[in-house]
């Protein structure tokens, strides 16, 4: 069963409450998303570590309910 975009966004907001989050359904099927996340939690972290934090927040659904997730992460511009 696919994950609705609002559920994905809710999960990400729970993990990154300060974040600006934009979810894009890449294929229109609820299985392939792109998430753009801008969060203070990413400040000073390399991109791979930022992505690890997102993957950890979604570990229980990645590869199952959530088939594919492209990530664009950053800290806010100062």
N, C-alpha and C. Protein backbone atom coordinates (compact mmCIF):
# COMPACT_ATOMS: atom_id res chain seq x y z
N UNK A 1 0.85 -1.18 0.00
CA UNK A 1 0.00 0.00 0.00
C UNK A 1 0.89 1.25 0.00
N UNK A 2 0.67 2.17 -0.92
CA UNK A 2 1.48 3.39 -0.98
C UNK A 2 1.26 4.29 0.24
N UNK A 3 2.21 5.18 0.45
CA UNK A 3 2.13 6.13 1.55
C UNK A 3 1.62 7.47 1.00
N UNK A 4 0.52 7.99 1.52
CA UNK A 4 0.05 9.29 1.06
C UNK A 4 1.07 10.39 1.38
N UNK A 5 1.13 11.40 0.52
CA UNK A 5 2.09 12.49 0.69
C UNK A 5 1.92 13.20 2.03
N UNK A 6 0.67 13.36 2.49
CA UNK A 6 0.46 14.05 3.76
C UNK A 6 0.98 13.24 4.94
N UNK A 7 0.95 11.93 4.84
CA UNK A 7 1.51 11.07 5.90
C UNK A 7 3.03 11.19 5.90
N UNK A 8 3.63 11.16 4.72
CA UNK A 8 5.08 11.34 4.62
C UNK A 8 5.49 12.68 5.19
N UNK A 9 4.78 13.73 4.82
CA UNK A 9 5.11 15.06 5.34
C UNK A 9 4.96 15.10 6.86
N UNK A 10 3.93 14.48 7.39
CA UNK A 10 3.72 14.44 8.84
C UNK A 10 4.86 13.73 9.55
N UNK A 11 5.33 12.64 8.98
CA UNK A 11 6.46 11.91 9.56
C UNK A 11 7.71 12.78 9.57
N UNK A 12 7.94 13.48 8.47
CA UNK A 12 9.12 14.34 8.39
C UNK A 12 8.99 15.53 9.34
N UNK A 13 7.80 16.10 9.47
CA UNK A 13 7.59 17.23 10.40
C UNK A 13 7.80 16.80 11.85
N UNK A 14 7.44 15.58 12.16
CA UNK A 14 7.66 15.07 13.52
C UNK A 14 9.15 14.96 13.82
N UNK A 15 9.93 14.56 12.83
CA UNK A 15 11.37 14.40 13.01
C UNK A 15 12.12 15.72 12.91
N UNK A 16 11.60 16.64 12.11
CA UNK A 16 12.25 17.93 11.86
C UNK A 16 11.23 19.05 12.02
N UNK A 17 10.82 19.34 13.26
CA UNK A 17 9.71 20.28 13.49
C UNK A 17 9.98 21.71 13.00
N UNK A 18 11.24 22.09 12.90
CA UNK A 18 11.57 23.45 12.46
C UNK A 18 11.67 23.58 10.95
N UNK A 19 11.53 22.49 10.23
CA UNK A 19 11.88 22.43 8.81
C UNK A 19 10.85 23.05 7.88
N UNK A 20 11.37 23.53 6.76
CA UNK A 20 10.54 23.82 5.59
C UNK A 20 10.59 22.54 4.76
N UNK A 21 9.43 22.00 4.45
CA UNK A 21 9.35 20.71 3.75
C UNK A 21 8.45 20.84 2.53
N UNK A 22 8.96 20.37 1.40
CA UNK A 22 8.16 20.32 0.18
C UNK A 22 8.23 18.88 -0.34
N UNK A 23 7.07 18.27 -0.51
CA UNK A 23 6.96 16.90 -1.01
C UNK A 23 6.44 16.94 -2.44
N UNK A 24 7.11 16.21 -3.33
CA UNK A 24 6.68 16.09 -4.71
C UNK A 24 6.50 14.61 -5.03
N UNK A 25 5.33 14.26 -5.54
CA UNK A 25 5.07 12.89 -5.99
C UNK A 25 5.61 12.77 -7.41
N UNK A 26 6.71 12.06 -7.57
CA UNK A 26 7.42 12.01 -8.84
C UNK A 26 6.72 11.20 -9.93
N UNK A 27 5.95 10.21 -9.54
CA UNK A 27 5.33 9.33 -10.54
C UNK A 27 3.80 9.33 -10.47
N UNK A 28 3.23 10.04 -9.52
CA UNK A 28 1.78 10.07 -9.39
C UNK A 28 1.20 8.80 -8.79
N UNK A 29 2.07 7.97 -8.21
CA UNK A 29 1.60 6.68 -7.70
C UNK A 29 1.68 6.54 -6.18
N UNK A 30 2.12 7.59 -5.49
CA UNK A 30 2.23 7.51 -4.03
C UNK A 30 3.35 6.62 -3.56
N UNK A 31 4.23 6.22 -4.44
CA UNK A 31 5.35 5.35 -4.09
C UNK A 31 6.71 5.98 -4.35
N UNK A 32 6.75 7.03 -5.16
CA UNK A 32 8.01 7.65 -5.56
C UNK A 32 7.93 9.15 -5.28
N UNK A 33 8.64 9.58 -4.27
CA UNK A 33 8.59 10.97 -3.84
C UNK A 33 9.96 11.63 -3.88
N UNK A 34 9.89 12.96 -3.92
CA UNK A 34 11.07 13.79 -3.66
C UNK A 34 10.71 14.66 -2.47
N UNK A 35 11.63 14.74 -1.52
CA UNK A 35 11.42 15.59 -0.35
C UNK A 35 12.54 16.63 -0.29
N UNK A 36 12.14 17.88 -0.26
CA UNK A 36 13.10 18.97 -0.04
C UNK A 36 12.91 19.41 1.40
N UNK A 37 13.98 19.30 2.18
CA UNK A 37 13.90 19.59 3.61
C UNK A 37 14.99 20.59 3.96
N UNK A 38 14.59 21.72 4.51
CA UNK A 38 15.53 22.74 4.98
C UNK A 38 15.34 22.85 6.49
N UNK A 39 16.39 22.47 7.23
CA UNK A 39 16.27 22.39 8.68
C UNK A 39 17.55 22.85 9.37
N UNK A 40 17.40 23.54 10.48
CA UNK A 40 18.54 23.92 11.32
C UNK A 40 19.30 22.69 11.80
N UNK A 41 18.61 21.56 11.91
CA UNK A 41 19.26 20.33 12.37
C UNK A 41 20.37 19.88 11.43
N UNK A 42 20.35 20.37 10.20
CA UNK A 42 21.35 19.98 9.21
C UNK A 42 22.58 20.91 9.22
N UNK A 43 22.51 21.98 10.00
CA UNK A 43 23.60 22.96 10.01
C UNK A 43 24.92 22.30 10.40
N UNK A 44 25.92 22.51 9.55
CA UNK A 44 27.26 21.99 9.81
C UNK A 44 27.46 20.52 9.48
N UNK A 45 26.42 19.85 9.01
CA UNK A 45 26.52 18.42 8.69
C UNK A 45 26.75 18.22 7.20
N UNK A 46 27.58 17.25 6.84
CA UNK A 46 27.72 16.93 5.42
C UNK A 46 26.41 16.33 4.89
N UNK A 47 26.21 16.44 3.61
CA UNK A 47 24.96 15.99 2.99
C UNK A 47 24.66 14.53 3.32
N UNK A 48 25.66 13.67 3.32
CA UNK A 48 25.41 12.25 3.60
C UNK A 48 24.84 12.07 5.01
N UNK A 49 25.32 12.84 5.97
CA UNK A 49 24.80 12.75 7.34
C UNK A 49 23.37 13.28 7.41
N UNK A 50 23.09 14.35 6.67
CA UNK A 50 21.73 14.88 6.60
C UNK A 50 20.76 13.81 6.10
N UNK A 51 21.17 13.13 5.04
CA UNK A 51 20.32 12.09 4.45
C UNK A 51 20.17 10.91 5.41
N UNK A 52 21.21 10.59 6.16
CA UNK A 52 21.12 9.52 7.15
C UNK A 52 20.08 9.85 8.22
N UNK A 53 20.01 11.11 8.63
CA UNK A 53 19.01 11.51 9.63
C UNK A 53 17.60 11.34 9.09
N UNK A 54 17.39 11.70 7.83
CA UNK A 54 16.07 11.53 7.22
C UNK A 54 15.74 10.05 7.10
N UNK A 55 16.69 9.27 6.62
CA UNK A 55 16.46 7.82 6.47
C UNK A 55 16.16 7.16 7.80
N UNK A 56 16.83 7.61 8.86
CA UNK A 56 16.57 7.06 10.20
C UNK A 56 15.13 7.36 10.64
N UNK A 57 14.66 8.57 10.34
CA UNK A 57 13.30 8.95 10.71
C UNK A 57 12.25 8.13 9.98
N UNK A 58 12.61 7.59 8.81
CA UNK A 58 11.66 6.83 7.99
C UNK A 58 12.02 5.36 7.86
N UNK A 59 12.94 4.89 8.68
CA UNK A 59 13.50 3.54 8.54
C UNK A 59 12.43 2.45 8.49
N UNK A 60 11.36 2.60 9.24
CA UNK A 60 10.34 1.55 9.31
C UNK A 60 9.46 1.46 8.06
N UNK A 61 9.51 2.47 7.18
CA UNK A 61 8.67 2.45 5.98
C UNK A 61 9.47 2.45 4.67
N UNK A 62 10.75 2.77 4.74
CA UNK A 62 11.57 2.78 3.52
C UNK A 62 11.68 1.38 2.93
N UNK A 63 11.45 1.29 1.64
CA UNK A 63 11.53 -0.01 0.96
C UNK A 63 10.26 -0.82 1.09
N UNK A 64 9.31 -0.32 1.84
CA UNK A 64 8.02 -0.99 1.99
C UNK A 64 6.93 -0.06 1.52
N UNK A 65 6.25 0.57 2.49
CA UNK A 65 5.21 1.55 2.18
C UNK A 65 5.75 2.68 1.31
N UNK A 66 6.98 3.06 1.56
CA UNK A 66 7.64 4.13 0.82
C UNK A 66 8.72 3.50 -0.05
N UNK A 67 8.41 3.34 -1.30
CA UNK A 67 9.29 2.60 -2.21
C UNK A 67 10.55 3.39 -2.57
N UNK A 68 10.41 4.67 -2.90
CA UNK A 68 11.56 5.47 -3.33
C UNK A 68 11.42 6.90 -2.85
N UNK A 69 12.51 7.45 -2.35
CA UNK A 69 12.51 8.82 -1.86
C UNK A 69 13.81 9.50 -2.27
N UNK A 70 13.68 10.49 -3.14
CA UNK A 70 14.83 11.32 -3.51
C UNK A 70 14.89 12.47 -2.49
N UNK A 71 16.07 12.79 -2.02
CA UNK A 71 16.23 13.80 -1.00
C UNK A 71 17.02 15.00 -1.48
N UNK A 72 16.57 16.16 -1.07
CA UNK A 72 17.32 17.41 -1.22
C UNK A 72 17.27 18.06 0.15
N UNK A 73 18.42 18.07 0.82
CA UNK A 73 18.46 18.58 2.19
C UNK A 73 19.47 19.72 2.31
N UNK A 74 19.19 20.64 3.24
CA UNK A 74 20.13 21.72 3.52
C UNK A 74 19.73 22.41 4.80
N UNK A 75 20.66 23.19 5.33
CA UNK A 75 20.38 24.08 6.44
C UNK A 75 19.90 25.40 5.84
N UNK A 76 19.17 26.20 6.62
CA UNK A 76 18.72 27.48 6.09
C UNK A 76 19.91 28.38 5.75
N UNK A 77 19.75 29.18 4.70
CA UNK A 77 20.79 30.15 4.34
C UNK A 77 20.84 31.23 5.40
N UNK A 78 22.01 31.66 5.71
CA UNK A 78 22.16 32.69 6.75
C UNK A 78 22.16 34.06 6.15
